[in-house]
């Protein structure tokens, strides 16, 4: 039980510290959504006409 309390306390400290440091910065998040994209629809997996970076 003491181990769980220690883990909980460390988690709370870590979260509050990280929120304090990044309060002025916005996160860089890129969300890419592709409809009907299979594993072989990109150049690294052998598609001859679709060019991907």
N, C-alpha and C. Protein backbone atom coordinates (compact mmCIF):
# COMPACT_ATOMS: atom_id res chain seq x y z
N UNK A 1 0.82 -1.19 0.00
CA UNK A 1 0.00 0.00 0.00
C UNK A 1 0.87 1.27 0.00
N UNK A 2 1.99 1.22 0.72
CA UNK A 2 2.87 2.37 0.74
C UNK A 2 3.50 2.60 -0.63
N UNK A 3 3.74 1.52 -1.36
CA UNK A 3 4.31 1.64 -2.70
C UNK A 3 3.34 2.36 -3.63
N UNK A 4 2.04 2.03 -3.54
CA UNK A 4 1.04 2.70 -4.37
C UNK A 4 0.93 4.17 -4.01
N UNK A 5 1.01 4.48 -2.73
CA UNK A 5 0.96 5.89 -2.31
C UNK A 5 2.17 6.65 -2.85
N UNK A 6 3.33 6.02 -2.84
CA UNK A 6 4.53 6.65 -3.38
C UNK A 6 4.40 6.89 -4.88
N UNK A 7 3.93 5.90 -5.60
CA UNK A 7 3.73 6.04 -7.05
C UNK A 7 2.73 7.15 -7.35
N UNK A 8 1.64 7.20 -6.59
CA UNK A 8 0.63 8.23 -6.80
C UNK A 8 1.21 9.62 -6.53
N UNK A 9 1.96 9.76 -5.44
CA UNK A 9 2.55 11.05 -5.10
C UNK A 9 3.55 11.50 -6.15
N UNK A 10 4.38 10.59 -6.64
CA UNK A 10 5.34 10.93 -7.69
C UNK A 10 4.63 11.31 -8.99
N UNK A 11 3.54 10.63 -9.30
CA UNK A 11 2.78 10.95 -10.51
C UNK A 11 2.18 12.34 -10.42
N UNK A 12 1.61 12.66 -9.27
CA UNK A 12 1.01 13.99 -9.09
C UNK A 12 2.07 15.07 -9.19
N UNK A 13 3.22 14.85 -8.57
CA UNK A 13 4.31 15.83 -8.64
C UNK A 13 4.81 16.01 -10.07
N UNK A 14 4.94 14.92 -10.80
CA UNK A 14 5.41 14.99 -12.17
C UNK A 14 4.44 15.75 -13.06
N UNK A 15 3.15 15.46 -12.91
CA UNK A 15 2.14 16.13 -13.74
C UNK A 15 2.08 17.61 -13.42
N UNK A 16 2.06 17.97 -12.15
CA UNK A 16 1.98 19.39 -11.81
C UNK A 16 3.24 20.14 -12.24
N UNK A 17 4.40 19.51 -12.12
CA UNK A 17 5.64 20.15 -12.55
C UNK A 17 5.65 20.36 -14.06
N UNK A 18 5.21 19.36 -14.82
CA UNK A 18 5.20 19.48 -16.27
C UNK A 18 4.15 20.50 -16.73
N UNK A 19 3.03 20.58 -16.03
CA UNK A 19 2.03 21.59 -16.38
C UNK A 19 2.54 22.99 -16.09
N UNK A 20 3.29 23.12 -15.03
CA UNK A 20 3.85 24.43 -14.68
C UNK A 20 4.89 24.88 -15.71
N UNK A 21 5.71 23.98 -16.18
CA UNK A 21 6.75 24.34 -17.16
C UNK A 21 6.16 24.68 -18.51
N UNK A 22 5.15 23.97 -18.94
CA UNK A 22 4.60 24.17 -20.27
C UNK A 22 3.36 25.03 -20.30
N UNK A 23 3.16 25.86 -19.30
CA UNK A 23 1.93 26.65 -19.22
C UNK A 23 1.84 27.67 -20.35
N UNK A 24 2.97 28.21 -20.81
CA UNK A 24 2.95 29.25 -21.84
C UNK A 24 3.10 28.70 -23.25
N UNK A 25 3.41 27.43 -23.38
CA UNK A 25 3.64 26.86 -24.69
C UNK A 25 2.48 25.98 -25.11
N UNK A 26 2.15 26.04 -26.37
CA UNK A 26 1.13 25.14 -26.90
C UNK A 26 1.83 23.94 -27.50
N UNK A 27 1.25 22.76 -27.36
CA UNK A 27 1.91 21.56 -27.90
C UNK A 27 1.85 21.53 -29.43
N UNK A 28 2.85 20.95 -30.03
CA UNK A 28 2.88 20.76 -31.47
C UNK A 28 2.28 19.40 -31.78
N UNK A 29 1.03 19.40 -32.21
CA UNK A 29 0.32 18.16 -32.49
C UNK A 29 -0.15 18.20 -33.94
N UNK A 30 0.16 17.15 -34.67
CA UNK A 30 -0.31 17.00 -36.04
C UNK A 30 -1.17 15.75 -36.09
N UNK A 31 -2.39 15.90 -36.55
CA UNK A 31 -3.31 14.78 -36.68
C UNK A 31 -3.56 14.54 -38.16
N UNK A 32 -3.18 13.37 -38.64
CA UNK A 32 -3.37 13.03 -40.05
C UNK A 32 -4.43 11.95 -40.13
N UNK A 33 -5.48 12.24 -40.89
CA UNK A 33 -6.57 11.28 -41.06
C UNK A 33 -6.62 10.90 -42.54
N UNK A 34 -6.60 9.61 -42.81
CA UNK A 34 -6.67 9.13 -44.19
C UNK A 34 -7.79 8.09 -44.28
N UNK A 35 -8.64 8.26 -45.26
CA UNK A 35 -9.74 7.33 -45.47
C UNK A 35 -9.35 6.36 -46.57
N UNK A 36 -9.55 5.09 -46.34
CA UNK A 36 -9.31 4.04 -47.32
C UNK A 36 -7.84 3.98 -47.74
N UNK A 37 -6.94 4.04 -46.78
CA UNK A 37 -5.51 3.93 -47.04
C UNK A 37 -5.04 2.57 -46.54
N UNK A 38 -4.59 1.74 -47.44
CA UNK A 38 -4.11 0.41 -47.08
C UNK A 38 -2.59 0.45 -46.91
N UNK A 39 -2.02 -0.64 -46.44
CA UNK A 39 -0.59 -0.69 -46.16
C UNK A 39 0.25 -0.56 -47.43
N UNK A 40 -0.28 -0.96 -48.57
CA UNK A 40 0.51 -0.92 -49.81
C UNK A 40 0.22 0.32 -50.66
N UNK A 41 -0.44 1.33 -50.09
CA UNK A 41 -0.77 2.55 -50.83
C UNK A 41 0.27 3.65 -50.69
N UNK A 42 1.48 3.32 -50.36
CA UNK A 42 2.52 4.34 -50.26
C UNK A 42 3.82 3.82 -50.87
N UNK A 43 4.69 4.74 -51.24
CA UNK A 43 5.92 4.38 -51.94
C UNK A 43 6.81 3.41 -51.16
N UNK A 44 7.00 3.56 -49.84
CA UNK A 44 7.90 2.64 -49.16
C UNK A 44 7.46 1.18 -49.24
N UNK A 45 6.18 0.95 -49.51
CA UNK A 45 5.69 -0.42 -49.58
C UNK A 45 5.40 -0.87 -51.01
N UNK A 46 5.88 -0.13 -52.00
CA UNK A 46 5.86 -0.59 -53.37
C UNK A 46 4.80 -0.04 -54.29
N UNK A 47 4.06 1.00 -53.92
CA UNK A 47 3.06 1.54 -54.84
C UNK A 47 3.78 2.33 -55.93
N UNK A 48 3.49 2.06 -57.20
CA UNK A 48 4.25 2.67 -58.29
C UNK A 48 3.91 4.13 -58.59
N UNK A 49 2.68 4.60 -58.30
CA UNK A 49 2.30 5.94 -58.73
C UNK A 49 2.07 6.93 -57.59
N UNK A 50 1.77 6.47 -56.40
CA UNK A 50 1.53 7.39 -55.29
C UNK A 50 2.86 7.74 -54.64
N UNK A 51 3.19 9.05 -54.64
CA UNK A 51 4.45 9.50 -54.05
C UNK A 51 4.19 10.01 -52.64
N UNK A 52 4.92 9.48 -51.69
CA UNK A 52 4.83 9.94 -50.31
C UNK A 52 6.21 10.36 -49.84
N UNK A 53 6.28 11.27 -48.89
CA UNK A 53 7.59 11.72 -48.43
C UNK A 53 8.34 10.64 -47.67
